[in-house]
């Protein structure tokens, strides 16, 4: 995880596959992080995580494997394999769509 400064425009480019006409920018999410004290915006518009934001990130990043195991308890091994194959197919399709989409 990089804690370096990043602009909202660069975040938008990174998250382009998840943006839409209804939600064309991550700016409202960044503003919520700022309101929570998890991020700060410098005079040049770059965004960085605050100390509290870093601590929050560390707390949630420690648990992914445990959470993943708990989430998948409802699936059999075969169902889990099918799910992973479907998610890989969807991710590949999203990559292809993102490559086709004109940049705004």
N, C-alpha and C. Protein backbone atom coordinates (compact mmCIF):
# COMPACT_ATOMS: atom_id res chain seq x y z
N UNK A 1 0.84 -1.18 0.00
CA UNK A 1 0.00 0.00 0.00
C UNK A 1 0.88 1.23 0.00
N UNK A 2 0.63 2.12 -0.90
CA UNK A 2 1.35 3.37 -0.96
C UNK A 2 0.55 4.43 -0.20
N UNK A 3 1.25 5.19 0.60
CA UNK A 3 0.59 6.26 1.33
C UNK A 3 0.90 7.61 0.72
N UNK A 4 1.50 7.62 -0.46
CA UNK A 4 1.89 8.87 -1.09
C UNK A 4 0.70 9.67 -1.57
N UNK A 5 0.92 10.96 -1.80
CA UNK A 5 -0.15 11.83 -2.30
C UNK A 5 -0.63 11.40 -3.69
N UNK A 6 -1.90 11.59 -3.94
CA UNK A 6 -2.49 11.29 -5.24
C UNK A 6 -3.62 12.29 -5.49
N UNK A 7 -3.79 12.67 -6.72
CA UNK A 7 -4.86 13.61 -7.04
C UNK A 7 -6.17 12.85 -7.24
N UNK A 8 -7.28 13.57 -7.14
CA UNK A 8 -8.58 12.97 -7.39
C UNK A 8 -8.65 12.51 -8.85
N UNK A 9 -8.06 13.27 -9.76
CA UNK A 9 -8.05 12.87 -11.17
C UNK A 9 -7.33 11.54 -11.35
N UNK A 10 -6.21 11.35 -10.66
CA UNK A 10 -5.49 10.07 -10.76
C UNK A 10 -6.30 8.95 -10.12
N UNK A 11 -6.98 9.24 -9.02
CA UNK A 11 -7.87 8.24 -8.41
C UNK A 11 -8.99 7.87 -9.37
N UNK A 12 -9.56 8.87 -10.04
CA UNK A 12 -10.62 8.60 -11.01
C UNK A 12 -10.11 7.70 -12.13
N UNK A 13 -8.90 7.96 -12.59
CA UNK A 13 -8.33 7.12 -13.65
C UNK A 13 -8.11 5.69 -13.16
N UNK A 14 -7.61 5.56 -11.95
CA UNK A 14 -7.39 4.24 -11.37
C UNK A 14 -8.69 3.47 -11.19
N UNK A 15 -9.74 4.18 -10.81
CA UNK A 15 -11.03 3.55 -10.52
C UNK A 15 -12.00 3.61 -11.69
N UNK A 16 -11.53 3.96 -12.87
CA UNK A 16 -12.39 4.20 -14.04
C UNK A 16 -13.36 3.05 -14.30
N UNK A 17 -12.94 1.83 -14.10
CA UNK A 17 -13.82 0.68 -14.36
C UNK A 17 -15.03 0.66 -13.43
N UNK A 18 -14.95 1.38 -12.32
CA UNK A 18 -16.04 1.37 -11.34
C UNK A 18 -16.87 2.65 -11.38
N UNK A 19 -16.49 3.58 -12.23
CA UNK A 19 -17.22 4.84 -12.33
C UNK A 19 -18.27 4.74 -13.43
N UNK A 20 -19.25 5.64 -13.40
CA UNK A 20 -20.33 5.61 -14.38
C UNK A 20 -20.82 7.05 -14.61
N UNK A 21 -21.80 7.19 -15.50
CA UNK A 21 -22.38 8.51 -15.74
C UNK A 21 -23.03 9.04 -14.47
N UNK A 22 -23.61 8.16 -13.67
CA UNK A 22 -24.24 8.57 -12.41
C UNK A 22 -23.21 8.90 -11.34
N UNK A 23 -22.05 8.28 -11.42
CA UNK A 23 -20.99 8.51 -10.45
C UNK A 23 -19.67 8.62 -11.23
N UNK A 24 -19.41 9.79 -11.82
CA UNK A 24 -18.26 9.94 -12.71
C UNK A 24 -16.92 10.21 -12.01
N UNK A 25 -16.94 10.36 -10.69
CA UNK A 25 -15.73 10.67 -9.95
C UNK A 25 -15.79 10.07 -8.55
N UNK A 26 -14.63 9.84 -7.97
CA UNK A 26 -14.56 9.34 -6.59
C UNK A 26 -14.55 10.49 -5.58
N UNK A 27 -14.61 11.72 -6.08
CA UNK A 27 -14.52 12.90 -5.20
C UNK A 27 -15.45 12.82 -3.98
N UNK A 28 -16.74 12.42 -4.12
CA UNK A 28 -17.59 12.35 -2.92
C UNK A 28 -17.06 11.35 -1.88
N UNK A 29 -16.45 10.27 -2.34
CA UNK A 29 -15.88 9.29 -1.41
C UNK A 29 -14.66 9.88 -0.70
N UNK A 30 -13.83 10.59 -1.46
CA UNK A 30 -12.67 11.25 -0.87
C UNK A 30 -13.14 12.26 0.18
N UNK A 31 -14.17 13.02 -0.14
CA UNK A 31 -14.70 14.01 0.81
C UNK A 31 -15.20 13.34 2.09
N UNK A 32 -15.82 12.16 1.96
CA UNK A 32 -16.26 11.44 3.16
C UNK A 32 -15.06 10.99 4.00
N UNK A 33 -13.98 10.56 3.33
CA UNK A 33 -12.76 10.19 4.06
C UNK A 33 -12.19 11.42 4.79
N UNK A 34 -12.21 12.57 4.12
CA UNK A 34 -11.73 13.80 4.75
C UNK A 34 -12.61 14.15 5.94
N UNK A 35 -13.93 14.08 5.76
CA UNK A 35 -14.86 14.38 6.86
C UNK A 35 -14.65 13.47 8.05
N UNK A 36 -14.30 12.22 7.79
CA UNK A 36 -14.04 11.26 8.88
C UNK A 36 -12.68 11.45 9.53
N UNK A 37 -11.83 12.24 8.89
CA UNK A 37 -10.48 12.41 9.41
C UNK A 37 -9.52 11.35 8.90
N UNK A 38 -9.92 10.60 7.89
CA UNK A 38 -9.07 9.53 7.35
C UNK A 38 -8.16 10.01 6.24
N UNK A 39 -8.45 11.16 5.66
CA UNK A 39 -7.63 11.70 4.57
C UNK A 39 -7.55 13.20 4.71
N UNK A 40 -6.56 13.76 4.04
CA UNK A 40 -6.40 15.21 4.04
C UNK A 40 -6.04 15.65 2.62
N UNK A 41 -6.47 16.85 2.28
CA UNK A 41 -6.21 17.40 0.95
C UNK A 41 -5.22 18.56 1.11
N UNK A 42 -4.15 18.49 0.33
CA UNK A 42 -3.13 19.54 0.37
C UNK A 42 -3.57 20.71 -0.50
N UNK A 43 -2.84 21.79 -0.41
CA UNK A 43 -3.15 22.98 -1.19
C UNK A 43 -3.13 22.74 -2.69
N UNK A 44 -2.31 21.77 -3.14
CA UNK A 44 -2.25 21.47 -4.58
C UNK A 44 -3.34 20.49 -5.01
N UNK A 45 -4.23 20.11 -4.07
CA UNK A 45 -5.32 19.19 -4.40
C UNK A 45 -4.99 17.73 -4.23
N UNK A 46 -3.76 17.42 -3.88
CA UNK A 46 -3.41 16.01 -3.70
C UNK A 46 -3.97 15.50 -2.37
N UNK A 47 -4.31 14.24 -2.37
CA UNK A 47 -4.95 13.60 -1.22
C UNK A 47 -3.98 12.60 -0.61
N UNK A 48 -3.90 12.57 0.70
CA UNK A 48 -3.11 11.58 1.41
C UNK A 48 -3.93 11.04 2.58
N UNK A 49 -3.60 9.85 3.00
CA UNK A 49 -4.22 9.31 4.21
C UNK A 49 -3.65 10.04 5.41
N UNK A 50 -4.50 10.30 6.38
CA UNK A 50 -4.04 10.86 7.65
C UNK A 50 -3.53 9.72 8.51
N UNK A 51 -2.99 10.05 9.66
CA UNK A 51 -2.54 9.00 10.58
C UNK A 51 -3.72 8.09 10.95
N UNK A 52 -4.89 8.70 11.23
CA UNK A 52 -6.08 7.90 11.56
C UNK A 52 -6.48 7.04 10.36
N UNK A 53 -6.36 7.57 9.16
CA UNK A 53 -6.66 6.80 7.95
C UNK A 53 -5.72 5.62 7.79
N UNK A 54 -4.46 5.82 8.08
CA UNK A 54 -3.48 4.71 8.02
C UNK A 54 -3.83 3.63 9.05
N UNK A 55 -4.20 4.07 10.25
CA UNK A 55 -4.57 3.09 11.29
C UNK A 55 -5.82 2.32 10.87
N UNK A 56 -6.80 3.01 10.29
CA UNK A 56 -8.02 2.33 9.83
C UNK A 56 -7.67 1.33 8.73
N UNK A 57 -6.82 1.74 7.81
CA UNK A 57 -6.39 0.83 6.74
C UNK A 57 -5.71 -0.41 7.33
N UNK A 58 -4.81 -0.19 8.28
CA UNK A 58 -4.11 -1.32 8.90
C UNK A 58 -5.10 -2.28 9.59
N UNK A 59 -6.10 -1.70 10.26
CA UNK A 59 -7.09 -2.55 10.94
C UNK A 59 -7.83 -3.44 9.96
N UNK A 60 -8.28 -2.88 8.85
CA UNK A 60 -9.06 -3.69 7.91
C UNK A 60 -8.18 -4.58 7.06
N UNK A 61 -6.93 -4.20 6.82
CA UNK A 61 -6.07 -5.03 5.98
C UNK A 61 -5.57 -6.26 6.72
N UNK A 62 -5.66 -6.27 8.03
CA UNK A 62 -5.23 -7.43 8.81
C UNK A 62 -6.24 -8.57 8.74
N UNK A 63 -7.47 -8.28 8.36
CA UNK A 63 -8.53 -9.26 8.45
C UNK A 63 -9.00 -9.91 7.15
N UNK A 64 -8.47 -9.59 5.98
CA UNK A 64 -9.10 -10.08 4.75
C UNK A 64 -9.20 -11.59 4.64
N UNK A 65 -8.17 -12.29 5.03
CA UNK A 65 -8.22 -13.75 4.90
C UNK A 65 -9.30 -14.33 5.81
N UNK A 66 -9.37 -13.84 7.03
CA UNK A 66 -10.38 -14.32 7.97
C UNK A 66 -11.79 -14.00 7.45
N UNK A 67 -11.96 -12.81 6.92
CA UNK A 67 -13.26 -12.42 6.37
C UNK A 67 -13.60 -13.26 5.14
N UNK A 68 -12.61 -13.48 4.26
CA UNK A 68 -12.84 -14.28 3.06
C UNK A 68 -13.30 -15.68 3.43
N UNK A 69 -12.65 -16.28 4.39
CA UNK A 69 -13.04 -17.62 4.83
C UNK A 69 -14.46 -17.62 5.37
N UNK A 70 -14.80 -16.63 6.20
CA UNK A 70 -16.14 -16.56 6.76
C UNK A 70 -17.19 -16.34 5.68
N UNK A 71 -16.88 -15.51 4.68
CA UNK A 71 -17.83 -15.23 3.59
C UNK A 71 -18.11 -16.50 2.78
N UNK A 72 -17.12 -17.33 2.63
CA UNK A 72 -17.25 -18.49 1.75
C UNK A 72 -17.78 -19.73 2.47
N UNK A 73 -18.05 -19.62 3.77
CA UNK A 73 -18.55 -20.77 4.52
C UNK A 73 -19.86 -21.31 3.95
N UNK A 74 -20.62 -20.47 3.29
CA UNK A 74 -21.92 -20.89 2.77
C UNK A 74 -21.81 -21.63 1.43
N UNK A 75 -20.59 -21.73 0.88
CA UNK A 75 -20.40 -22.40 -0.41
C UNK A 75 -19.66 -23.71 -0.24
N UNK A 76 -20.03 -24.67 -1.07
CA UNK A 76 -19.26 -25.91 -1.11
C UNK A 76 -17.97 -25.63 -1.89
N UNK A 77 -17.03 -26.56 -1.86
CA UNK A 77 -15.78 -26.39 -2.61
C UNK A 77 -16.06 -26.22 -4.10
N UNK A 78 -17.00 -26.99 -4.64
CA UNK A 78 -17.35 -26.88 -6.06
C UNK A 78 -17.98 -25.52 -6.37
N UNK A 79 -18.87 -25.05 -5.50
CA UNK A 79 -19.50 -23.75 -5.72
C UNK A 79 -18.46 -22.63 -5.66
N UNK A 80 -17.52 -22.76 -4.74
CA UNK A 80 -16.45 -21.77 -4.63
C UNK A 80 -15.62 -21.72 -5.91
N UNK A 81 -15.29 -22.87 -6.45
CA UNK A 81 -14.52 -22.94 -7.70
C UNK A 81 -15.29 -22.29 -8.85
N UNK A 82 -16.58 -22.57 -8.95
CA UNK A 82 -17.40 -21.97 -10.01
C UNK A 82 -17.45 -20.46 -9.83
N UNK A 83 -17.64 -20.00 -8.59
CA UNK A 83 -17.69 -18.57 -8.32
C UNK A 83 -16.39 -17.89 -8.75
N UNK A 84 -15.25 -18.48 -8.41
CA UNK A 84 -13.97 -17.88 -8.78
C UNK A 84 -13.81 -17.82 -10.30
N UNK A 85 -14.23 -18.86 -11.00
CA UNK A 85 -14.16 -18.86 -12.46
C UNK A 85 -15.05 -17.76 -13.04
N UNK A 86 -16.26 -17.60 -12.49
CA UNK A 86 -17.17 -16.55 -12.97
C UNK A 86 -16.61 -15.16 -12.70
N UNK A 87 -16.07 -14.95 -11.52
CA UNK A 87 -15.50 -13.65 -11.19
C UNK A 87 -14.31 -13.32 -12.09
N UNK A 88 -13.49 -14.32 -12.41
CA UNK A 88 -12.37 -14.09 -13.33
C UNK A 88 -12.87 -13.72 -14.71
N UNK A 89 -13.94 -14.37 -15.14
CA UNK A 89 -14.52 -14.06 -16.45
C UNK A 89 -15.06 -12.62 -16.46
N UNK A 90 -15.77 -12.25 -15.41
CA UNK A 90 -16.31 -10.89 -15.32
C UNK A 90 -15.17 -9.87 -15.28
N UNK A 91 -14.12 -10.13 -14.51
CA UNK A 91 -12.99 -9.21 -14.43
C UNK A 91 -12.33 -9.05 -15.79
N UNK A 92 -12.16 -10.15 -16.52
CA UNK A 92 -11.60 -10.07 -17.86
C UNK A 92 -12.46 -9.26 -18.79
N UNK A 93 -13.77 -9.44 -18.67
CA UNK A 93 -14.71 -8.68 -19.51
C UNK A 93 -14.65 -7.19 -19.16
N UNK A 94 -14.57 -6.86 -17.88
CA UNK A 94 -14.45 -5.46 -17.46
C UNK A 94 -13.18 -4.84 -18.00
N UNK A 95 -12.09 -5.59 -17.99
CA UNK A 95 -10.83 -5.09 -18.54
C UNK A 95 -11.01 -4.77 -20.03
N UNK A 96 -11.66 -5.66 -20.75
CA UNK A 96 -11.89 -5.45 -22.19
C UNK A 96 -12.78 -4.23 -22.41
N UNK A 97 -13.83 -4.08 -21.60
CA UNK A 97 -14.71 -2.93 -21.74
C UNK A 97 -13.98 -1.63 -21.43
N UNK A 98 -13.15 -1.65 -20.41
CA UNK A 98 -12.39 -0.45 -20.04
C UNK A 98 -11.44 -0.06 -21.17
N UNK A 99 -10.86 -1.05 -21.85
CA UNK A 99 -9.96 -0.77 -22.96
C UNK A 99 -10.71 -0.15 -24.14
N UNK A 100 -11.98 -0.53 -24.30
CA UNK A 100 -12.80 -0.02 -25.42
C UNK A 100 -13.34 1.38 -25.12
N UNK A 101 -13.57 1.69 -23.86
CA UNK A 101 -14.23 2.93 -23.48
C UNK A 101 -13.37 4.14 -23.82
N UNK A 102 -13.98 5.16 -24.44
CA UNK A 102 -13.23 6.38 -24.71
C UNK A 102 -12.91 7.09 -23.40
N UNK A 103 -11.72 7.64 -23.30
CA UNK A 103 -11.32 8.39 -22.11
C UNK A 103 -12.01 9.74 -22.09
N UNK A 104 -12.44 10.16 -20.93
CA UNK A 104 -13.17 11.44 -20.81
C UNK A 104 -12.24 12.53 -20.42
